[in-house]
Amino acid sequence: MSANTDLNNRPAPDKVLTDIADYVVNYKVASDEAYETARYDLMDSLACMILALKFPDCVKLLGPVAEGAVVPHGARVPGTKHELDPVKAAFDIGTLVRWLDYNDTWLAAEWGHPSDNLGAILGFGDYLSRKAEAAGKPGLTMRDVFTYMIKAFEIQGCFALENSFNKVGLDHVILVKVASAAVAAHMMGASRDQIVDVVSHVFVDGQALRTYRHAPNAGPRKSWAAGDATARGVRLAQMVVNGGQIGYPGALSAPKWGFYDVSFKGQPFKFQRPYGSYVMEQILFKISYPAEFHSQTAVECAVKLHPLVKDRLDQIEKIILTTHEAAIRIISKTGPLHNFADRDHCLQYMVAVPLIKGNLTADDYDDKAASDPRIDVLRAKMEVVEDKRYSAEYHEPDKRSIANAIQIFFKDGTKTDKIEIEYPVGHRRRRAEGFPLIKKKLENYLSGYYSAEQTKKIISLFADPKKLNEMKLTEFMKAL
């Protein structure tokens, strides 16, 4: 037999695939904290979606692929009149959630935004539920939605703890595709083995590169990449469950042709902990500022310094930004910034704006705001340095800090105190402070889009957790 001949014995499915399927099918979520956090996460995500509708470049991507297409029992897209096929609805909802880099965050060896999976959970869930209810069968409740959120977040987040896709050049949205595909298949009534097959297809798929997130190529694809991933997860689930497509049990481990050898430098995935409800309990919220999460505490520091420097901007000699390794790798950049997406992934830009004006909003990334010459003057005076303790505690499971510090030095020899913040307001350690701010965030953006009457009605949906749990998903989507 030739040494180059492949032995055609079909292997047992990779354990990584079966672990996901076993978790989705069998795990019973028992954490009240996870369910409470999921409710706030949905509030936060809805706020992000409604704010994104203010931006024409986002709105242009929404709606049916074929203009005028009508889909029976179509999935609704919050804040719009669209009723779409479930794949496009998943894209639209995922894109709205992610457009402004303002939704939740998970930071570890890999980064990501687990609420990106709401494209599949809300979009596909609404479609399946409308179909079921039209046939006299029960659809999903909001309790089901929260359970799927917890499980999708857990799958994405547990992968991210130990496996760095960015270090091999792949974008983190692969994990959105994995999680969305798994829960979408379960929504359809897939068996455990079918879910294994669905997830295998995710790894056989081509995966997105990180090109669009980094200088000098940063661009708006990063704002719809997660929508694309959650939609693809739905499509793969449909192809296996409805289309009868078989899976590929060695999708990860096959020599030469598997994901590990082709895309992960031959290394198998590593896992820190079994799947449970850890990720939802630990999730990070971007409550105050639409800014890449590694910069959140830096923006908080800059806001604190604003009163001390706003009248002395021309007297500044240098600004020392002390941060952690991940922030330096992802968002520290010098030179021209070419577009909205370039600016909201630039640490120095996100610090300069609040030093000047005392706040940072999504509008501060547009071309008009960026034309303020003071921003680039301040950027040029910034020195970014790593604190090894910050970098270490960023990875420690019991801390998971996202620390930054800023100190400003003036030409006359004076300086400000070094302002240090290790945990942003959206961190688990600041939940008591953060949850009321999420409510305020939702109210602010709803009231800027809906009528006062509809805003009040939507806010009231979240007031009684028990009542919300029992509510039909279709009723919730109709209210939006």
Protein backbone atom coordinates (compact mmCIF):
# COMPACT_ATOMS: atom_id res chain seq x y z
CA MET A 1 0.00 0.00 0.00
CA SER A 2 1.31 3.46 -0.87
CA ALA A 3 2.37 5.60 2.07
CA ASN A 4 0.23 8.37 0.58
CA THR A 5 -2.96 6.30 0.60
CA ASP A 6 -5.63 7.47 3.02
CA LEU A 7 -7.08 4.76 5.26
CA ASN A 8 -10.85 5.00 4.77
CA ASN A 9 -12.03 4.00 8.25
CA ARG A 10 -14.53 6.63 9.39
CA PRO A 11 -13.55 7.82 12.88
CA ALA A 12 -15.69 8.43 15.93
CA PRO A 13 -16.68 12.10 16.24
CA ASP A 14 -14.14 14.42 17.81
CA LYS A 15 -14.81 14.83 21.53
CA VAL A 16 -14.98 18.61 21.15
CA LEU A 17 -18.02 18.13 18.90
CA THR A 18 -19.76 15.64 21.16
CA ASP A 19 -19.14 17.74 24.27
CA ILE A 20 -20.98 20.67 22.66
CA ALA A 21 -23.91 18.48 21.61
CA ASP A 22 -24.15 16.80 25.03
CA TYR A 23 -24.18 20.19 26.73
CA VAL A 24 -26.85 21.69 24.48
CA VAL A 25 -29.12 18.64 24.76
CA ASN A 26 -28.63 17.61 28.38
CA TYR A 27 -27.46 20.47 30.57
CA LYS A 28 -30.09 21.98 32.86
CA VAL A 29 -29.31 25.59 33.75
CA ALA A 30 -29.87 26.07 37.48
CA SER A 31 -28.20 29.44 38.06
CA ASP A 32 -30.55 32.26 39.02
CA GLU A 33 -27.65 34.67 38.54
CA ALA A 34 -27.21 33.50 34.96
CA TYR A 35 -30.89 34.01 34.17
CA GLU A 36 -30.93 37.46 35.76
CA THR A 37 -27.80 38.46 33.86
CA ALA A 38 -29.29 37.12 30.62
CA ARG A 39 -32.32 39.37 31.10
CA TYR A 40 -30.07 42.41 31.49
CA ASP A 41 -27.97 41.26 28.56
CA LEU A 42 -31.07 41.22 26.36
CA MET A 43 -31.92 44.74 27.55
CA ASP A 44 -28.40 45.90 26.75
CA SER A 45 -28.44 44.23 23.33
CA LEU A 46 -31.79 45.76 22.45
CA ALA A 47 -30.42 49.19 23.33
CA CYS A 48 -27.50 48.56 20.96
CA MET A 49 -29.84 47.46 18.17
CA ILE A 50 -32.07 50.51 18.41
CA LEU A 51 -29.14 52.93 18.54
CA ALA A 52 -27.61 51.28 15.46
CA LEU A 53 -30.75 52.15 13.48
CA LYS A 54 -29.62 55.79 13.57
CA PHE A 55 -26.70 54.97 11.28
CA PRO A 56 -27.49 54.81 7.54
CA ASP A 57 -24.53 52.57 6.71
CA CYS A 58 -26.03 49.94 9.00
CA VAL A 59 -29.63 50.35 7.83
CA LYS A 60 -28.56 49.89 4.19
CA LEU A 61 -27.57 46.29 4.99
CA LEU A 62 -30.96 45.36 6.43
CA GLY A 63 -34.01 43.88 4.76
CA PRO A 64 -34.72 41.08 2.28
CA VAL A 65 -32.03 39.90 -0.11
CA ALA A 66 -34.52 40.22 -2.97
CA GLU A 67 -36.42 43.49 -2.68
CA GLY A 68 -40.12 42.94 -2.03
CA ALA A 69 -39.74 39.29 -1.10
CA VAL A 70 -42.45 38.06 1.28
CA VAL A 71 -41.73 35.20 3.70
CA PRO A 72 -44.65 33.43 5.39
CA HIS A 73 -44.17 33.57 9.18
CA GLY A 74 -41.07 35.72 8.57
CA ALA A 75 -38.78 36.66 11.43
CA ARG A 76 -39.18 40.22 12.70
CA VAL A 77 -36.21 42.58 13.01
CA PRO A 78 -36.53 44.91 16.03
CA GLY A 79 -37.16 48.55 15.20
CA THR A 80 -38.10 47.79 11.58
CA LYS A 81 -41.06 46.47 9.59
CA HIS A 82 -39.00 43.67 8.08
CA GLU A 83 -40.30 40.08 8.23
CA LEU A 84 -37.52 38.02 6.71
CA ASP A 85 -36.32 34.53 6.00
CA PRO A 86 -34.56 33.30 9.15
CA VAL A 87 -31.04 33.39 7.72
CA LYS A 88 -31.27 37.04 6.65
CA ALA A 89 -33.09 37.93 9.88
CA ALA A 90 -30.22 36.39 11.85
CA PHE A 91 -27.79 38.50 9.83
CA ASP A 92 -29.79 41.69 10.40
CA ILE A 93 -30.26 41.20 14.13
CA GLY A 94 -26.64 40.15 14.65
CA THR A 95 -25.47 43.17 12.68
CA LEU A 96 -27.66 45.58 14.65
CA VAL A 97 -26.42 44.20 17.96
CA ARG A 98 -22.78 44.50 16.91
CA TRP A 99 -22.71 47.56 14.66
CA LEU A 100 -21.47 50.15 17.16
CA ASP A 101 -19.15 47.92 19.22
CA TYR A 102 -21.42 48.63 22.17
CA ASN A 103 -22.69 45.17 23.14
CA ASP A 104 -21.36 42.73 25.71
CA THR A 105 -17.82 41.39 25.68
CA TRP A 106 -15.82 38.32 26.65
CA LEU A 107 -12.06 38.63 27.07
CA ALA A 108 -9.62 35.77 27.47
CA ALA A 109 -7.12 34.05 25.16
CA GLU A 110 -9.69 34.95 22.48
CA TRP A 111 -12.09 37.86 22.51
CA GLY A 112 -15.64 38.17 21.38
CA HIS A 113 -19.17 39.36 21.97
CA PRO A 114 -21.55 36.55 22.93
CA SER A 115 -24.73 38.55 22.33
CA ASP A 116 -23.84 38.35 18.63
CA ASN A 117 -25.64 34.99 18.89
CA LEU A 118 -28.96 36.79 19.34
CA GLY A 119 -29.18 36.86 15.56
CA ALA A 120 -29.83 33.13 15.61
CA ILE A 121 -31.70 33.02 18.91
CA LEU A 122 -34.17 35.85 18.26
CA GLY A 123 -34.35 35.68 14.47
CA PHE A 124 -34.55 31.93 13.97
CA GLY A 125 -36.51 31.53 17.18
CA ASP A 126 -39.16 33.98 16.03
CA TYR A 127 -39.49 32.24 12.66
CA LEU A 128 -39.80 28.76 14.16
CA SER A 129 -42.22 29.97 16.81
CA ARG A 130 -44.47 31.76 14.31
CA LYS A 131 -44.59 28.59 12.22
CA ALA A 132 -45.35 26.42 15.24
CA GLU A 133 -48.06 28.70 16.59
CA ALA A 134 -49.72 28.91 13.16
CA ALA A 135 -49.98 25.12 13.30
CA GLY A 136 -51.45 25.18 16.79
CA LYS A 137 -48.24 24.15 18.52
CA PRO A 138 -46.29 26.01 21.22
CA GLY A 139 -43.39 28.22 20.24
CA LEU A 140 -40.51 29.42 22.37
CA THR A 141 -41.00 31.36 25.58
CA MET A 142 -38.64 34.07 26.77
CA ARG A 143 -37.38 31.62 29.38
CA ASP A 144 -36.31 29.43 26.46
CA VAL A 145 -34.59 32.45 24.90
CA PHE A 146 -32.62 33.08 28.08
CA THR A 147 -31.65 29.41 28.28
CA TYR A 148 -30.37 29.49 24.70
CA MET A 149 -28.49 32.69 25.46
CA ILE A 150 -26.79 31.09 28.46
CA LYS A 151 -25.79 28.03 26.42
CA ALA A 152 -24.60 29.96 23.37
CA PHE A 153 -22.58 32.32 25.56
CA GLU A 154 -21.08 29.35 27.39
CA ILE A 155 -19.98 27.58 24.23
CA GLN A 156 -18.38 30.70 22.76
CA GLY A 157 -16.82 31.79 26.03
CA CYS A 158 -15.38 28.44 27.13
CA PHE A 159 -13.65 28.05 23.77
CA ALA A 160 -12.21 31.54 24.18
CA LEU A 161 -10.69 30.91 27.61
CA GLU A 162 -7.76 28.87 26.32
CA ASN A 163 -7.81 29.01 22.51
CA SER A 164 -6.50 32.05 20.65
CA PHE A 165 -7.85 32.16 17.12
CA ASN A 166 -6.44 35.66 16.61
CA LYS A 167 -2.90 34.32 17.01
CA VAL A 168 -3.39 32.16 13.92
CA GLY A 169 -5.00 35.04 12.03
CA LEU A 170 -8.63 33.91 12.36
CA ASP A 171 -11.42 36.14 13.58
CA HIS A 172 -13.32 35.34 16.76
CA VAL A 173 -16.63 35.18 14.88
CA ILE A 174 -15.90 31.52 14.20
CA LEU A 175 -17.10 30.99 17.78
CA VAL A 176 -20.34 32.85 17.08
CA LYS A 177 -20.88 30.44 14.20
CA VAL A 178 -20.20 27.42 16.43
CA ALA A 179 -22.53 28.56 19.21
CA SER A 180 -25.31 29.78 16.91
CA ALA A 181 -25.25 26.60 14.87
CA ALA A 182 -25.51 24.39 17.96
CA VAL A 183 -28.45 26.21 19.55
CA ALA A 184 -30.22 26.77 16.21
CA ALA A 185 -30.12 23.03 15.57
CA HIS A 186 -31.56 22.33 19.01
CA MET A 187 -34.37 24.83 18.37
CA MET A 188 -35.29 22.73 15.35
CA GLY A 189 -35.54 19.57 17.45
CA ALA A 190 -32.24 18.12 16.27
CA SER A 191 -30.95 14.98 17.91
CA ARG A 192 -27.65 14.90 19.76
CA ASP A 193 -25.97 13.27 16.74
CA GLN A 194 -27.39 15.88 14.36
CA ILE A 195 -25.97 18.66 16.52
CA VAL A 196 -22.57 16.93 16.31
CA ASP A 197 -22.95 16.95 12.53
CA VAL A 198 -23.97 20.62 12.44
CA VAL A 199 -21.00 21.76 14.49
CA SER A 200 -18.65 19.67 12.35
CA HIS A 201 -19.79 21.70 9.35
CA VAL A 202 -18.81 24.90 11.11
CA PHE A 203 -15.20 23.80 11.36
CA VAL A 204 -15.16 22.50 7.77
CA ASP A 205 -16.35 25.96 6.64
CA GLY A 206 -13.87 28.58 5.57
CA GLN A 207 -13.29 31.00 8.44
CA ALA A 208 -13.06 34.80 8.47
CA LEU A 209 -9.64 36.43 8.67
CA ARG A 210 -9.00 39.28 11.10
CA THR A 211 -7.77 41.56 8.31
CA TYR A 212 -10.68 43.95 8.69
CA ARG A 213 -10.00 44.56 12.39
CA HIS A 214 -6.39 45.71 12.21
CA ALA A 215 -4.34 48.59 10.90
CA PRO A 216 -3.87 49.39 8.11
CA ASN A 217 -6.98 47.55 6.84
CA ALA A 218 -9.55 48.21 9.60
CA GLY A 219 -12.98 48.71 8.13
CA PRO A 220 -16.74 48.32 8.61
CA ARG A 221 -16.83 44.60 7.88
CA LYS A 222 -16.01 44.14 11.55
CA SER A 223 -19.46 45.56 12.30
CA TRP A 224 -21.33 42.92 10.27
CA ALA A 225 -18.96 39.96 10.52
CA ALA A 226 -20.78 38.57 13.54
CA GLY A 227 -24.14 38.96 11.81
CA ASP A 228 -22.69 36.95 8.95
CA ALA A 229 -21.45 34.27 11.36
CA THR A 230 -24.70 33.84 13.29
CA ALA A 231 -26.62 33.68 10.00
CA ARG A 232 -24.25 31.01 8.67
CA GLY A 233 -24.79 29.02 11.85
CA VAL A 234 -28.52 29.03 11.18
CA ARG A 235 -28.01 27.99 7.56
CA LEU A 236 -25.76 25.07 8.49
CA ALA A 237 -28.31 23.88 11.04
CA GLN A 238 -31.01 23.95 8.36
CA MET A 239 -28.86 22.04 5.90
CA VAL A 240 -28.26 19.20 8.33
CA VAL A 241 -31.65 19.00 10.07
CA ASN A 242 -33.89 19.79 7.08
CA GLY A 243 -31.54 18.93 4.25
CA GLY A 244 -30.23 15.64 5.61
CA GLN A 245 -26.58 16.52 5.19
CA ILE A 246 -24.17 14.19 6.97
CA GLY A 247 -21.47 15.45 9.30
CA TYR A 248 -17.70 15.07 9.28
CA PRO A 249 -16.62 13.38 12.51
CA GLY A 250 -12.93 14.16 12.09
CA ALA A 251 -13.50 17.79 11.11
CA LEU A 252 -11.01 18.88 13.76
CA SER A 253 -8.54 16.05 14.11
CA ALA A 254 -8.19 14.56 10.62
CA PRO A 255 -4.49 14.49 9.66
CA LYS A 256 -3.65 16.99 6.89
CA TRP A 257 -7.29 17.91 6.19
CA GLY A 258 -8.73 18.70 9.62
CA PHE A 259 -9.09 22.11 11.24
CA TYR A 260 -6.20 21.57 13.65
CA ASP A 261 -3.65 20.85 10.93
CA VAL A 262 -4.98 23.30 8.35
CA SER A 263 -5.91 26.28 10.51
CA PHE A 264 -4.60 25.87 14.07
CA LYS A 265 -0.92 25.06 13.61
CA GLY A 266 -1.52 21.40 14.46
CA GLN A 267 -2.61 22.16 18.01
CA PRO A 268 -5.78 20.68 19.52
CA PHE A 269 -8.20 22.87 21.42
CA LYS A 270 -7.72 23.18 25.18
CA PHE A 271 -10.46 23.77 27.73
CA GLN A 272 -10.20 25.28 31.19
CA ARG A 273 -13.58 24.15 32.52
CA PRO A 274 -16.65 22.10 31.58
CA TYR A 275 -19.67 23.85 30.09
CA GLY A 276 -22.09 25.31 32.63
CA SER A 277 -23.29 28.89 33.15
CA TYR A 278 -19.96 30.55 34.00
CA VAL A 279 -19.75 32.83 30.97
CA MET A 280 -23.14 34.49 31.38
CA GLU A 281 -22.42 35.04 35.07
CA GLN A 282 -19.07 36.68 34.24
CA ILE A 283 -20.08 38.57 31.08
CA LEU A 284 -18.77 42.11 30.61
CA PHE A 285 -21.07 44.97 29.60
CA LYS A 286 -20.17 48.11 27.69
CA ILE A 287 -22.54 50.35 29.56
CA SER A 288 -21.11 53.83 29.42
CA TYR A 289 -19.18 54.07 26.18
CA PRO A 290 -19.37 52.56 22.67
CA ALA A 291 -15.71 51.63 22.63
CA GLU A 292 -13.68 48.45 22.12
CA PHE A 293 -13.69 46.84 25.54
CA HIS A 294 -9.97 46.88 26.23
CA SER A 295 -10.27 50.68 26.29
CA GLN A 296 -13.31 50.99 28.57
CA THR A 297 -11.39 51.77 31.75
CA ALA A 298 -9.07 54.08 29.79
CA VAL A 299 -12.10 56.08 28.68
CA GLU A 300 -13.34 56.18 32.28
CA CYS A 301 -9.93 57.53 33.35
CA ALA A 302 -10.00 60.17 30.62
CA VAL A 303 -13.47 61.33 31.68
CA LYS A 304 -12.19 61.73 35.24
CA LEU A 305 -9.21 63.77 33.99
CA HIS A 306 -11.26 66.00 31.69
CA PRO A 307 -12.03 68.74 34.30
CA LEU A 308 -8.33 68.97 35.12
CA VAL A 309 -7.08 69.30 31.55
CA LYS A 310 -9.89 70.81 29.44
CA ASP A 311 -8.48 74.33 29.82
CA ARG A 312 -4.84 73.22 29.54
CA LEU A 313 -4.84 71.04 26.43
CA ASP A 314 -2.22 73.21 24.68
CA GLN A 315 0.05 72.96 27.76
CA ILE A 316 0.27 69.14 27.71
CA GLU A 317 3.74 67.77 27.05
CA LYS A 318 2.99 64.04 27.14
CA ILE A 319 0.31 61.54 28.15
CA ILE A 320 1.30 58.16 29.54
CA LEU A 321 -1.26 55.40 28.91
CA THR A 322 -0.52 52.33 31.02
CA THR A 323 -2.39 49.29 29.82
CA HIS A 324 -2.34 45.50 29.31
CA GLU A 325 -0.82 43.47 26.50
CA ALA A 326 -4.08 42.66 24.74
CA ALA A 327 -4.98 46.34 24.39
CA ILE A 328 -1.58 47.09 22.87
CA ARG A 329 -1.95 44.20 20.43
CA ILE A 330 -5.48 45.07 19.30
CA ILE A 331 -6.15 48.81 19.56
CA SER A 332 -2.95 50.79 20.00
CA LYS A 333 -2.17 52.53 16.72
CA THR A 334 -0.51 55.66 15.39
CA GLY A 335 -0.82 57.44 12.07
CA PRO A 336 -3.92 58.40 10.07
CA LEU A 337 -7.31 56.92 10.95
CA HIS A 338 -9.33 56.35 7.82
CA ASN A 339 -12.91 55.63 8.85
CA PHE A 340 -15.41 55.12 11.68
CA ALA A 341 -14.26 51.53 12.24
CA ASP A 342 -10.61 52.58 12.35
CA ARG A 343 -11.34 55.15 15.06
CA ASP A 344 -13.44 52.96 17.35
CA HIS A 345 -10.52 50.52 17.47
CA CYS A 346 -7.86 53.09 18.33
CA LEU A 347 -6.98 53.38 22.03
CA GLN A 348 -5.39 56.80 21.59
CA TYR A 349 -8.42 58.22 19.76
CA MET A 350 -10.81 56.85 22.38
CA VAL A 351 -8.79 58.58 25.12
CA ALA A 352 -8.27 61.88 23.30
CA VAL A 353 -11.97 62.56 22.72
CA PRO A 354 -13.09 62.37 26.37
CA LEU A 355 -10.04 64.33 27.49
CA ILE A 356 -11.30 67.11 25.20
CA LYS A 357 -15.07 66.90 25.73
CA GLY A 358 -15.61 64.80 28.87
CA ASN A 359 -17.57 62.04 27.12
CA LEU A 360 -17.46 59.55 24.26
CA THR A 361 -20.45 58.69 22.05
CA ALA A 362 -20.92 56.80 18.80
CA ASP A 363 -21.15 60.10 16.93
CA ASP A 364 -17.58 60.90 17.95
CA TYR A 365 -16.25 58.39 15.42
CA ASP A 366 -17.74 60.01 12.33
CA ASP A 367 -15.74 62.13 9.90
CA LYS A 368 -17.08 65.45 11.19
CA ALA A 369 -16.12 64.74 14.80
CA ALA A 370 -12.73 63.38 13.75
CA SER A 371 -11.89 66.61 11.94
CA ASP A 372 -11.26 68.33 15.30
CA PRO A 373 -7.48 68.98 15.07
CA ARG A 374 -7.04 68.69 18.83
CA ILE A 375 -7.62 64.94 18.67
CA ASP A 376 -4.56 64.14 16.57
CA VAL A 377 -2.47 66.64 18.53
CA LEU A 378 -3.24 64.72 21.72
CA ARG A 379 -2.75 61.34 20.05
CA ALA A 380 0.74 62.39 19.04
CA LYS A 381 1.60 63.13 22.68
CA MET A 382 0.59 59.69 23.98
CA GLU A 383 3.01 56.99 25.05
CA VAL A 384 1.52 53.51 25.54
CA VAL A 385 3.27 51.23 28.03
CA GLU A 386 2.43 47.78 29.39
CA ASP A 387 2.00 46.98 33.07
CA LYS A 388 2.84 43.28 33.45
CA ARG A 389 0.48 42.99 36.43
CA TYR A 390 -2.39 44.31 34.33
CA SER A 391 -1.60 41.73 31.66
CA ALA A 392 -1.43 38.88 34.17
CA GLU A 393 -4.64 39.79 36.03
CA TYR A 394 -6.48 40.15 32.73
CA HIS A 395 -6.21 36.34 32.45
CA GLU A 396 -6.73 35.34 36.11
CA PRO A 397 -10.14 33.60 36.41
CA ASP A 398 -10.98 35.18 39.77
CA LYS A 399 -10.06 38.70 38.61
CA ARG A 400 -10.40 39.07 34.81
CA SER A 401 -9.51 42.74 35.12
CA ILE A 402 -9.33 45.14 32.17
CA ALA A 403 -7.04 47.72 33.72
CA ASN A 404 -5.85 51.05 32.34
CA ALA A 405 -4.24 54.12 33.84
CA ILE A 406 -3.54 57.62 32.53
CA GLN A 407 -1.19 60.30 33.77
CA ILE A 408 -0.74 63.68 32.08
CA PHE A 409 2.44 65.75 32.20
CA PHE A 410 2.47 69.49 31.45
CA LYS A 411 5.17 71.66 29.91
CA ASP A 412 5.63 73.61 33.15
CA GLY A 413 6.74 70.48 35.00
CA THR A 414 3.45 69.80 36.78
CA LYS A 415 1.44 66.62 36.31
CA THR A 416 -1.88 65.07 37.21
CA ASP A 417 -2.25 62.15 39.53
CA LYS A 418 -2.07 58.77 37.85
CA ILE A 419 -5.71 57.77 37.43
CA GLU A 420 -6.09 53.99 37.49
CA ILE A 421 -9.23 51.91 36.96
CA GLU A 422 -8.93 48.12 36.91
CA TYR A 423 -12.56 47.04 36.53
CA PRO A 424 -14.99 48.82 34.21
CA VAL A 425 -18.55 49.54 35.28
CA GLY A 426 -19.75 46.59 33.19
CA HIS A 427 -17.65 44.06 35.13
CA ARG A 428 -19.20 41.40 37.38
CA ARG A 429 -17.50 43.10 40.37
CA ARG A 430 -19.58 46.23 39.65
CA ARG A 431 -22.97 44.58 38.92
CA ALA A 432 -24.84 46.59 41.58
CA GLU A 433 -23.63 49.77 39.92
CA GLY A 434 -24.00 48.47 36.38
CA PHE A 435 -27.50 46.96 36.20
CA PRO A 436 -29.37 50.24 36.84
CA LEU A 437 -27.22 51.87 34.16
CA ILE A 438 -28.23 49.18 31.66
CA LYS A 439 -31.88 50.07 32.32
CA LYS A 440 -31.04 53.72 31.72
CA LYS A 441 -29.13 52.86 28.54
CA LEU A 442 -32.17 51.01 27.20
CA GLU A 443 -34.59 53.78 28.13
CA ASN A 444 -32.38 56.43 26.51
CA TYR A 445 -32.13 54.71 23.15
CA LEU A 446 -35.71 53.47 23.03
CA SER A 447 -37.03 56.96 23.76
CA GLY A 448 -34.89 58.38 20.98
CA TYR A 449 -36.52 56.04 18.46
CA TYR A 450 -39.99 54.94 19.55
CA SER A 451 -42.97 56.96 20.71
CA ALA A 452 -43.27 57.59 24.44
CA GLU A 453 -46.16 55.11 24.61
CA GLN A 454 -44.28 52.29 22.89
CA THR A 455 -41.11 53.01 24.86
CA LYS A 456 -43.04 52.66 28.10
CA LYS A 457 -44.61 49.41 26.87
CA ILE A 458 -41.24 47.88 25.94
CA ILE A 459 -39.62 48.92 29.22
CA SER A 460 -42.53 47.38 31.12
CA LEU A 461 -41.80 43.98 29.55
CA PHE A 462 -38.64 43.74 31.64
CA ALA A 463 -40.18 44.92 34.92
CA ASP A 464 -41.51 41.54 36.08
CA PRO A 465 -38.97 38.74 35.46
CA LYS A 466 -41.49 35.97 36.11
CA LYS A 467 -43.99 37.43 33.68
CA LEU A 468 -41.27 37.97 31.08
CA ASN A 469 -40.10 34.35 31.41
CA GLU A 470 -43.61 33.12 30.60
CA MET A 471 -44.08 35.49 27.66
CA LYS A 472 -44.07 34.07 24.14
CA LEU A 473 -41.09 35.07 22.04
CA THR A 474 -43.49 35.99 19.24
CA GLU A 475 -45.26 38.48 21.52
CA PHE A 476 -41.94 39.98 22.56
CA MET A 477 -40.81 40.43 18.96
CA LYS A 478 -44.16 41.92 17.98
CA ALA A 479 -43.78 44.54 20.72
CA LEU A 480 -40.55 45.72 19.10
